[in-house]
Amino acid sequence: MDTRDYAGLTAGQVSTLTLEAIGTATTLQIRALTDSNLAILSVAQIGALVTAGIQALSASQFLALTTRQLAALNDRQVAAIPTEGVVAIGPADIRSLAFFGSLTTAGVVALTLDEVEALSTRQIQDLTTRQFVALTPEQFSALKSAQVASISADGAIAIGVPDITSLTAIGALPTLSFSALTTAQLNSLTFAQFDSLVARQFSAFTSAQVATIQTDDVFSLAVSEIAALSNIGALATAAVAVLSVEQIAALTTAQVKALTTSQFKAILIDQLAAFR
């Protein structure tokens, strides 16, 4: 059966194609299938497509694939999806890719912002380190809180310093993942990002991370967040000097005991009045 024969197949003939016939079909034959005929292939028939066959599919053919067919793609087939295929799949169907973590880095970069927003939390969890590295600032900015809450510690570390500033929903990052952030990543956070952090994240701050807190950052800290800093002894003296009376008053007994001599010397007279 040549390419012209594939182009002229009826729906009934397509449904009777054997798995062997599909598996041995040339790329030209696969590409000759009409969009409507491709859409009626069974899950088993889709599974018989070799990687070269997946790579040969046109954008319109990818657009024609059904949710059921996309969900049937195995890891090798997902890895073979070309960038134009990724774009064609669209936000409504991108969630169907069960082996999303097998997508190439080029495929990840090709994801539209609408597709990024549509990713399931499971797909976010399946992202590999190389895929996190590949994501663009615009794609990080498109991630919603529920998606950010699914980022693993390895994924968090893989986010580059220039890209971490695009993670607008950083306040949703899990405690374990947040504690994995490097000092370089923390130093690059914007004031708005620092202001969005929550108490549970501050409680996870290591000494090295506490040391990165700048004086401008202190102004954005709620009293509950100050009280959550278990490693407050690592706070820079300049940062201690700008703590408000309310923030000083919120310090726990354990935190006061943890303050260093240098930190006490940095405390101003009006701040001292807050100690009870």
C-alpha atoms as a PDB file:
ATOM      1  CA  MET A   1       0.000   0.000   0.000  1.00  0.00           C
ATOM      2  CA  ASP A   2       1.599   3.284  -1.090  1.00  0.00           C
ATOM      3  CA  THR A   3       1.195   6.820   0.202  1.00  0.00           C
ATOM      4  CA  ARG A   4      -1.713   7.553  -2.117  1.00  0.00           C
ATOM      5  CA  ASP A   5      -3.538   4.493  -0.812  1.00  0.00           C
ATOM      6  CA  TYR A   6      -3.230   5.778   2.783  1.00  0.00           C
ATOM      7  CA  ALA A   7      -4.591   9.140   1.748  1.00  0.00           C
ATOM      8  CA  GLY A   8      -7.623   7.487   0.165  1.00  0.00           C
ATOM      9  CA  LEU A   9      -8.513   5.092   2.983  1.00  0.00           C
ATOM     10  CA  THR A  10     -12.084   5.159   4.228  1.00  0.00           C
ATOM     11  CA  ALA A  11     -12.908   5.308   7.930  1.00  0.00           C
ATOM     12  CA  GLY A  12     -13.838   1.630   7.853  1.00  0.00           C
ATOM     13  CA  GLN A  13     -10.523   0.673   6.263  1.00  0.00           C
ATOM     14  CA  VAL A  14      -8.528   2.730   8.764  1.00  0.00           C
ATOM     15  CA  SER A  15     -10.229   0.964  11.667  1.00  0.00           C
ATOM     16  CA  THR A  16      -9.145  -2.413  10.282  1.00  0.00           C
ATOM     17  CA  LEU A  17      -5.466  -1.527   9.824  1.00  0.00           C
ATOM     18  CA  THR A  18      -3.398  -4.065  11.744  1.00  0.00           C
ATOM     19  CA  LEU A  19      -0.919  -3.004  14.394  1.00  0.00           C
ATOM     20  CA  GLU A  20       1.835  -4.416  12.213  1.00  0.00           C
ATOM     21  CA  ALA A  21       0.707  -2.311   9.258  1.00  0.00           C
ATOM     22  CA  ILE A  22       0.724   0.841  11.363  1.00  0.00           C
ATOM     23  CA  GLY A  23       4.043  -0.012  12.988  1.00  0.00           C
ATOM     24  CA  THR A  24       5.737  -0.552   9.616  1.00  0.00           C
ATOM     25  CA  ALA A  25       4.086   2.364   7.809  1.00  0.00           C
ATOM     26  CA  THR A  26       6.495   4.943   6.404  1.00  0.00           C
ATOM     27  CA  THR A  27       6.490   8.518   7.649  1.00  0.00           C
ATOM     28  CA  LEU A  28       4.987   9.621   4.332  1.00  0.00           C
ATOM     29  CA  GLN A  29       2.158   7.109   4.724  1.00  0.00           C
ATOM     30  CA  ILE A  30       1.405   8.264   8.267  1.00  0.00           C
ATOM     31  CA  ARG A  31       1.448  11.876   7.160  1.00  0.00           C
ATOM     32  CA  ALA A  32      -0.914  10.985   4.304  1.00  0.00           C
ATOM     33  CA  LEU A  33      -3.658   9.947   6.722  1.00  0.00           C
ATOM     34  CA  THR A  34      -6.404  12.542   6.809  1.00  0.00           C
ATOM     35  CA  ASP A  35      -7.019  14.292  10.128  1.00  0.00           C
ATOM     36  CA  SER A  36     -10.441  12.702  10.445  1.00  0.00           C
ATOM     37  CA  ASN A  37      -9.063   9.213   9.807  1.00  0.00           C
ATOM     38  CA  LEU A  38      -6.241   9.706  12.284  1.00  0.00           C
ATOM     39  CA  ALA A  39      -8.791  10.634  14.935  1.00  0.00           C
ATOM     40  CA  ILE A  40     -10.559   7.267  14.633  1.00  0.00           C
ATOM     41  CA  LEU A  41      -7.459   5.148  15.270  1.00  0.00           C
ATOM     42  CA  SER A  42      -7.909   2.977  18.338  1.00  0.00           C
ATOM     43  CA  VAL A  43      -5.723   3.289  21.424  1.00  0.00           C
ATOM     44  CA  ALA A  44      -3.942   0.091  20.371  1.00  0.00           C
ATOM     45  CA  GLN A  45      -3.329   1.466  16.886  1.00  0.00           C
ATOM     46  CA  ILE A  46      -1.958   4.719  18.304  1.00  0.00           C
ATOM     47  CA  GLY A  47       0.325   2.680  20.542  1.00  0.00           C
ATOM     48  CA  ALA A  48       1.709   0.917  17.465  1.00  0.00           C
ATOM     49  CA  LEU A  49       3.031   4.151  15.964  1.00  0.00           C
ATOM     50  CA  VAL A  50       6.830   4.209  16.030  1.00  0.00           C
ATOM     51  CA  THR A  51       8.642   7.378  17.137  1.00  0.00           C
ATOM     52  CA  ALA A  52       9.366   8.293  13.518  1.00  0.00           C
ATOM     53  CA  GLY A  53       5.625   8.136  12.870  1.00  0.00           C
ATOM     54  CA  ILE A  54       4.928  10.503  15.781  1.00  0.00           C
ATOM     55  CA  GLN A  55       7.591  12.908  14.539  1.00  0.00           C
ATOM     56  CA  ALA A  56       6.030  12.831  11.071  1.00  0.00           C
ATOM     57  CA  LEU A  57       2.590  13.964  12.230  1.00  0.00           C
ATOM     58  CA  SER A  58       1.658  17.450  11.101  1.00  0.00           C
ATOM     59  CA  ALA A  59       0.311  20.178  13.360  1.00  0.00           C
ATOM     60  CA  SER A  60      -3.200  19.614  12.022  1.00  0.00           C
ATOM     61  CA  GLN A  61      -2.902  15.880  12.734  1.00  0.00           C
ATOM     62  CA  PHE A  62      -1.845  16.560  16.327  1.00  0.00           C
ATOM     63  CA  LEU A  63      -4.793  18.911  16.628  1.00  0.00           C
ATOM     64  CA  ALA A  64      -7.048  16.080  15.408  1.00  0.00           C
ATOM     65  CA  LEU A  65      -5.874  13.590  18.047  1.00  0.00           C
ATOM     66  CA  THR A  66      -8.451  12.943  20.720  1.00  0.00           C
ATOM     67  CA  THR A  67      -7.929  13.138  24.461  1.00  0.00           C
ATOM     68  CA  ARG A  68      -8.114   9.343  24.612  1.00  0.00           C
ATOM     69  CA  GLN A  69      -5.427   8.958  21.958  1.00  0.00           C
ATOM     70  CA  LEU A  70      -3.087  11.483  23.581  1.00  0.00           C
ATOM     71  CA  ALA A  71      -3.471   9.712  26.917  1.00  0.00           C
ATOM     72  CA  ALA A  72      -2.407   6.470  25.222  1.00  0.00           C
ATOM     73  CA  LEU A  73       0.965   7.830  24.069  1.00  0.00           C
ATOM     74  CA  ASN A  74       3.824   6.067  25.851  1.00  0.00           C
ATOM     75  CA  ASP A  75       7.018   7.692  27.108  1.00  0.00           C
ATOM     76  CA  ARG A  76       8.950   7.137  23.851  1.00  0.00           C
ATOM     77  CA  GLN A  77       6.111   8.564  21.786  1.00  0.00           C
ATOM     78  CA  VAL A  78       5.764  11.660  23.996  1.00  0.00           C
ATOM     79  CA  ALA A  79       9.525  12.214  23.698  1.00  0.00           C
ATOM     80  CA  ALA A  80       9.088  12.170  19.913  1.00  0.00           C
ATOM     81  CA  ILE A  81       6.445  14.941  19.792  1.00  0.00           C
ATOM     82  CA  PRO A  82       7.893  17.823  17.725  1.00  0.00           C
ATOM     83  CA  THR A  83       7.576  21.411  18.933  1.00  0.00           C
ATOM     84  CA  GLU A  84       4.831  22.231  16.431  1.00  0.00           C
ATOM     85  CA  GLY A  85       2.938  19.217  17.741  1.00  0.00           C
ATOM     86  CA  VAL A  86       3.204  20.497  21.314  1.00  0.00           C
ATOM     87  CA  VAL A  87       1.711  23.828  20.306  1.00  0.00           C
ATOM     88  CA  ALA A  88      -1.047  22.145  18.279  1.00  0.00           C
ATOM     89  CA  ILE A  89      -2.176  19.903  21.149  1.00  0.00           C
ATOM     90  CA  GLY A  90      -3.555  22.949  22.944  1.00  0.00           C
ATOM     91  CA  PRO A  91      -4.498  23.669  26.574  1.00  0.00           C
ATOM     92  CA  ALA A  92      -7.644  21.537  26.521  1.00  0.00           C
ATOM     93  CA  ASP A  93      -5.732  18.344  25.710  1.00  0.00           C
ATOM     94  CA  ILE A  94      -2.223  18.894  27.114  1.00  0.00           C
ATOM     95  CA  ARG A  95      -3.404  17.499  30.453  1.00  0.00           C
ATOM     96  CA  SER A  96      -4.008  14.157  28.735  1.00  0.00           C
ATOM     97  CA  LEU A  97      -0.292  13.414  28.332  1.00  0.00           C
ATOM     98  CA  ALA A  98       0.329  10.791  31.003  1.00  0.00           C
ATOM     99  CA  PHE A  99       4.070  10.746  30.299  1.00  0.00           C
ATOM    100  CA  PHE A 100       4.503  14.515  30.297  1.00  0.00           C
ATOM    101  CA  GLY A 101       7.906  14.165  31.975  1.00  0.00           C
ATOM    102  CA  SER A 102       9.211  12.551  28.778  1.00  0.00           C
ATOM    103  CA  LEU A 103       8.666  15.701  26.714  1.00  0.00           C
ATOM    104  CA  THR A 104      11.928  17.073  25.318  1.00  0.00           C
ATOM    105  CA  THR A 105      13.289  20.362  26.630  1.00  0.00           C
ATOM    106  CA  ALA A 106      12.525  21.894  23.228  1.00  0.00           C
ATOM    107  CA  GLY A 107       8.967  20.662  23.646  1.00  0.00           C
ATOM    108  CA  VAL A 108       8.751  22.221  27.102  1.00  0.00           C
ATOM    109  CA  VAL A 109       9.955  25.567  25.796  1.00  0.00           C
ATOM    110  CA  ALA A 110       7.320  25.335  23.028  1.00  0.00           C
ATOM    111  CA  LEU A 111       4.441  25.091  25.518  1.00  0.00           C
ATOM    112  CA  THR A 112       2.133  28.066  25.175  1.00  0.00           C
ATOM    113  CA  LEU A 113       1.245  30.041  28.299  1.00  0.00           C
ATOM    114  CA  ASP A 114      -2.316  28.696  28.079  1.00  0.00           C
ATOM    115  CA  GLU A 115      -0.927  25.154  28.014  1.00  0.00           C
ATOM    116  CA  VAL A 116       1.306  25.867  31.016  1.00  0.00           C
ATOM    117  CA  GLU A 117      -1.694  27.149  32.961  1.00  0.00           C
ATOM    118  CA  ALA A 118      -3.599  23.982  32.045  1.00  0.00           C
ATOM    119  CA  LEU A 119      -0.970  21.519  33.314  1.00  0.00           C
ATOM    120  CA  SER A 120      -2.169  19.246  36.097  1.00  0.00           C
ATOM    121  CA  THR A 121      -0.400  19.126  39.452  1.00  0.00           C
ATOM    122  CA  ARG A 122       0.669  15.575  38.589  1.00  0.00           C
ATOM    123  CA  GLN A 123       2.357  16.831  35.429  1.00  0.00           C
ATOM    124  CA  ILE A 124       4.168  19.516  37.429  1.00  0.00           C
ATOM    125  CA  GLN A 125       5.380  16.822  39.815  1.00  0.00           C
ATOM    126  CA  ASP A 126       6.593  14.750  36.857  1.00  0.00           C
ATOM    127  CA  LEU A 127       8.740  17.555  35.444  1.00  0.00           C
ATOM    128  CA  THR A 128      12.411  16.643  35.459  1.00  0.00           C
ATOM    129  CA  THR A 129      15.272  18.899  36.488  1.00  0.00           C
ATOM    130  CA  ARG A 130      16.218  19.470  32.848  1.00  0.00           C
ATOM    131  CA  GLN A 131      12.635  20.494  32.063  1.00  0.00           C
ATOM    132  CA  PHE A 132      12.547  22.999  34.945  1.00  0.00           C
ATOM    133  CA  VAL A 133      15.809  24.455  33.656  1.00  0.00           C
ATOM    134  CA  ALA A 134      14.233  24.768  30.201  1.00  0.00           C
ATOM    135  CA  LEU A 135      11.107  26.658  31.308  1.00  0.00           C
ATOM    136  CA  THR A 136      11.122  30.333  30.365  1.00  0.00           C
ATOM    137  CA  PRO A 137      10.429  33.288  32.709  1.00  0.00           C
ATOM    138  CA  GLU A 138       7.071  33.807  30.988  1.00  0.00           C
ATOM    139  CA  GLN A 139       6.121  30.176  31.614  1.00  0.00           C
ATOM    140  CA  PHE A 140       7.092  30.394  35.302  1.00  0.00           C
ATOM    141  CA  SER A 141       4.958  33.509  35.600  1.00  0.00           C
ATOM    142  CA  ALA A 142       1.990  31.580  34.177  1.00  0.00           C
ATOM    143  CA  LEU A 143       2.094  28.913  36.896  1.00  0.00           C
ATOM    144  CA  LYS A 144      -0.844  29.079  39.295  1.00  0.00           C
ATOM    145  CA  SER A 145      -0.653  28.601  43.055  1.00  0.00           C
ATOM    146  CA  ALA A 146      -1.840  24.973  42.927  1.00  0.00           C
ATOM    147  CA  GLN A 147       0.857  24.192  40.372  1.00  0.00           C
ATOM    148  CA  VAL A 148       3.611  25.933  42.345  1.00  0.00           C
ATOM    149  CA  ALA A 149       2.493  23.947  45.391  1.00  0.00           C
ATOM    150  CA  SER A 150       3.395  20.807  43.430  1.00  0.00           C
ATOM    151  CA  ILE A 151       7.011  21.790  42.692  1.00  0.00           C
ATOM    152  CA  SER A 152       9.472  19.381  44.295  1.00  0.00           C
ATOM    153  CA  ALA A 153      12.660  20.393  46.085  1.00  0.00           C
ATOM    154  CA  ASP A 154      14.743  19.263  43.094  1.00  0.00           C
ATOM    155  CA  GLY A 155      12.511  21.295  40.818  1.00  0.00           C
ATOM    156  CA  ALA A 156      12.855  24.382  43.007  1.00  0.00           C
ATOM    157  CA  ILE A 157      16.646  24.177  42.986  1.00  0.00           C
ATOM    158  CA  ALA A 158      16.630  23.806  39.203  1.00  0.00           C
ATOM    159  CA  ILE A 159      14.876  27.155  38.716  1.00  0.00           C
ATOM    160  CA  GLY A 160      17.574  29.574  37.634  1.00  0.00           C
ATOM    161  CA  VAL A 161      18.291  32.809  39.491  1.00  0.00           C
ATOM    162  CA  PRO A 162      16.989  34.936  36.595  1.00  0.00           C
ATOM    163  CA  ASP A 163      13.830  32.791  36.420  1.00  0.00           C
ATOM    164  CA  ILE A 164      12.942  32.596  40.118  1.00  0.00           C
ATOM    165  CA  THR A 165      11.877  36.258  40.027  1.00  0.00           C
ATOM    166  CA  SER A 166       9.132  35.261  37.561  1.00  0.00           C
ATOM    167  CA  LEU A 167       7.547  32.827  40.010  1.00  0.00           C
ATOM    168  CA  THR A 168       4.807  35.175  41.141  1.00  0.00           C
ATOM    169  CA  ALA A 169       3.021  32.473  43.158  1.00  0.00           C
ATOM    170  CA  ILE A 170       6.145  31.656  45.201  1.00  0.00           C
ATOM    171  CA  GLY A 171       4.106  31.939  48.400  1.00  0.00           C
ATOM    172  CA  ALA A 172       2.535  28.585  47.455  1.00  0.00           C
ATOM    173  CA  LEU A 173       5.880  26.765  47.262  1.00  0.00           C
ATOM    174  CA  PRO A 174       5.896  23.804  49.699  1.00  0.00           C
ATOM    175  CA  THR A 175       7.977  24.224  52.849  1.00  0.00           C
ATOM    176  CA  LEU A 176      10.419  21.462  51.891  1.00  0.00           C
ATOM    177  CA  SER A 177      10.908  22.911  48.413  1.00  0.00           C
ATOM    178  CA  PHE A 178      11.302  26.422  49.785  1.00  0.00           C
ATOM    179  CA  SER A 179      13.985  25.326  52.245  1.00  0.00           C
ATOM    180  CA  ALA A 180      15.937  23.915  49.282  1.00  0.00           C
ATOM    181  CA  LEU A 181      16.290  27.324  47.613  1.00  0.00           C
ATOM    182  CA  THR A 182      19.851  28.580  47.403  1.00  0.00           C
ATOM    183  CA  THR A 183      20.972  31.878  48.886  1.00  0.00           C
ATOM    184  CA  ALA A 184      21.467  33.181  45.340  1.00  0.00           C
ATOM    185  CA  GLN A 185      17.831  32.402  44.535  1.00  0.00           C
ATOM    186  CA  LEU A 186      16.602  34.074  47.720  1.00  0.00           C
ATOM    187  CA  ASN A 187      18.759  37.138  47.126  1.00  0.00           C
ATOM    188  CA  SER A 188      17.160  37.579  43.721  1.00  0.00           C
ATOM    189  CA  LEU A 189      13.553  37.583  45.007  1.00  0.00           C
ATOM    190  CA  THR A 190      11.668  40.798  44.384  1.00  0.00           C
ATOM    191  CA  PHE A 191      10.090  42.800  47.190  1.00  0.00           C
ATOM    192  CA  ALA A 192       6.643  41.657  46.008  1.00  0.00           C
ATOM    193  CA  GLN A 193       7.732  38.008  46.142  1.00  0.00           C
ATOM    194  CA  PHE A 194       9.220  38.382  49.602  1.00  0.00           C
ATOM    195  CA  ASP A 195       6.026  40.071  50.735  1.00  0.00           C
ATOM    196  CA  SER A 196       4.012  37.084  49.455  1.00  0.00           C
ATOM    197  CA  LEU A 197       5.926  34.515  51.548  1.00  0.00           C
ATOM    198  CA  VAL A 198       4.008  32.906  54.402  1.00  0.00           C
ATOM    199  CA  ALA A 199       4.903  31.954  57.978  1.00  0.00           C
ATOM    200  CA  ARG A 200       5.429  28.238  57.228  1.00  0.00           C
ATOM    201  CA  GLN A 201       8.056  29.180  54.659  1.00  0.00           C
ATOM    202  CA  PHE A 202       9.853  31.460  57.100  1.00  0.00           C
ATOM    203  CA  SER A 203       9.897  28.661  59.663  1.00  0.00           C
ATOM    204  CA  ALA A 204      11.836  26.585  57.112  1.00  0.00           C
ATOM    205  CA  PHE A 205      14.545  29.227  56.636  1.00  0.00           C
ATOM    206  CA  THR A 206      17.981  27.823  57.315  1.00  0.00           C
ATOM    207  CA  SER A 207      20.659  30.012  58.914  1.00  0.00           C
ATOM    208  CA  ALA A 208      22.158  30.666  55.482  1.00  0.00           C
ATOM    209  CA  GLN A 209      18.757  31.704  54.137  1.00  0.00           C
ATOM    210  CA  VAL A 210      17.994  33.978  57.110  1.00  0.00           C
ATOM    211  CA  ALA A 211      21.317  35.719  56.471  1.00  0.00           C
ATOM    212  CA  THR A 212      20.055  36.711  53.012  1.00  0.00           C
ATOM    213  CA  ILE A 213      17.174  38.784  54.415  1.00  0.00           C
ATOM    214  CA  GLN A 214      17.818  42.411  53.510  1.00  0.00           C
ATOM    215  CA  THR A 215      16.703  45.504  55.400  1.00  0.00           C
ATOM    216  CA  ASP A 216      14.069  46.252  52.754  1.00  0.00           C
ATOM    217  CA  ASP A 217      12.713  42.715  53.168  1.00  0.00           C
ATOM    218  CA  VAL A 218      12.248  43.233  56.915  1.00  0.00           C
ATOM    219  CA  PHE A 219       9.673  45.947  56.301  1.00  0.00           C
ATOM    220  CA  SER A 220       7.408  43.453  54.535  1.00  0.00           C
ATOM    221  CA  LEU A 221       7.511  40.825  57.291  1.00  0.00           C
ATOM    222  CA  ALA A 222       4.363  40.333  59.324  1.00  0.00           C
ATOM    223  CA  VAL A 223       4.785  39.745  63.062  1.00  0.00           C
ATOM    224  CA  SER A 224       3.740  36.105  62.572  1.00  0.00           C
ATOM    225  CA  GLU A 225       6.509  35.674  60.009  1.00  0.00           C
ATOM    226  CA  ILE A 226       9.126  37.203  62.282  1.00  0.00           C
ATOM    227  CA  ALA A 227       8.004  34.868  65.055  1.00  0.00           C
ATOM    228  CA  ALA A 228       8.459  31.929  62.671  1.00  0.00           C
ATOM    229  CA  LEU A 229      12.182  32.591  62.100  1.00  0.00           C
ATOM    230  CA  SER A 230      13.719  29.830  64.196  1.00  0.00           C
ATOM    231  CA  ASN A 231      17.230  30.755  63.012  1.00  0.00           C
ATOM    232  CA  ILE A 232      16.893  34.453  63.807  1.00  0.00           C
ATOM    233  CA  GLY A 233      20.420  34.471  65.212  1.00  0.00           C
ATOM    234  CA  ALA A 234      21.647  34.530  61.612  1.00  0.00           C
ATOM    235  CA  LEU A 235      19.763  37.733  60.765  1.00  0.00           C
ATOM    236  CA  ALA A 236      22.157  40.488  59.700  1.00  0.00           C
ATOM    237  CA  THR A 237      22.672  43.246  62.281  1.00  0.00           C
ATOM    238  CA  ALA A 238      21.522  45.824  59.723  1.00  0.00           C
ATOM    239  CA  ALA A 239      18.261  43.912  59.359  1.00  0.00           C
ATOM    240  CA  VAL A 240      17.853  43.651  63.148  1.00  0.00           C
ATOM    241  CA  ALA A 241      18.297  47.416  63.432  1.00  0.00           C
ATOM    242  CA  VAL A 242      15.214  48.097  61.309  1.00  0.00           C
ATOM    243  CA  LEU A 243      12.858  45.673  63.073  1.00  0.00           C
ATOM    244  CA  SER A 244       9.745  47.519  64.161  1.00  0.00           C
ATOM    245  CA  VAL A 245       8.592  47.675  67.762  1.00  0.00           C
ATOM    246  CA  GLU A 246       5.740  45.310  66.814  1.00  0.00           C
ATOM    247  CA  GLN A 247       8.147  42.837  65.243  1.00  0.00           C
ATOM    248  CA  ILE A 248      10.426  42.950  68.295  1.00  0.00           C
ATOM    249  CA  ALA A 249       7.441  42.370  70.562  1.00  0.00           C
ATOM    250  CA  ALA A 250       6.479  39.302  68.514  1.00  0.00           C
ATOM    251  CA  LEU A 251       9.790  37.539  69.139  1.00  0.00           C
ATOM    252  CA  THR A 252       9.451  34.336  71.114  1.00  0.00           C
ATOM    253  CA  THR A 253      11.502  33.619  74.230  1.00  0.00           C
ATOM    254  CA  ALA A 254      13.569  31.154  72.234  1.00  0.00           C
ATOM    255  CA  GLN A 255      14.273  33.770  69.587  1.00  0.00           C
ATOM    256  CA  VAL A 256      15.368  36.370  72.133  1.00  0.00           C
ATOM    257  CA  LYS A 257      17.737  33.841  73.671  1.00  0.00           C
ATOM    258  CA  ALA A 258      19.110  33.083  70.198  1.00  0.00           C
ATOM    259  CA  LEU A 259      20.007  36.708  69.480  1.00  0.00           C
ATOM    260  CA  THR A 260      23.749  37.302  69.331  1.00  0.00           C
ATOM    261  CA  THR A 261      25.699  40.012  71.104  1.00  0.00           C
ATOM    262  CA  SER A 262      26.147  41.845  67.799  1.00  0.00           C
ATOM    263  CA  GLN A 263      22.412  41.747  67.186  1.00  0.00           C
ATOM    264  CA  PHE A 264      21.643  43.127  70.644  1.00  0.00           C
ATOM    265  CA  LYS A 265      24.107  45.946  70.047  1.00  0.00           C
ATOM    266  CA  ALA A 266      22.275  46.778  66.803  1.00  0.00           C
ATOM    267  CA  ILE A 267      18.938  47.176  68.585  1.00  0.00           C
ATOM    268  CA  LEU A 268      17.934  50.797  69.043  1.00  0.00           C
ATOM    269  CA  ILE A 269      16.562  52.373  72.246  1.00  0.00           C
ATOM    270  CA  ASP A 270      12.974  52.532  70.986  1.00  0.00           C
ATOM    271  CA  GLN A 271      13.194  48.867  70.043  1.00  0.00           C
ATOM    272  CA  LEU A 272      14.371  47.911  73.504  1.00  0.00           C
ATOM    273  CA  ALA A 273      11.093  49.216  74.878  1.00  0.00           C
ATOM    274  CA  ALA A 274       9.349  46.374  73.092  1.00  0.00           C
ATOM    275  CA  PHE A 275      11.090  43.693  75.160  1.00  0.00           C
ATOM    276  CA  ARG A 276       8.939  42.471  77.975  1.00  0.00           C
END
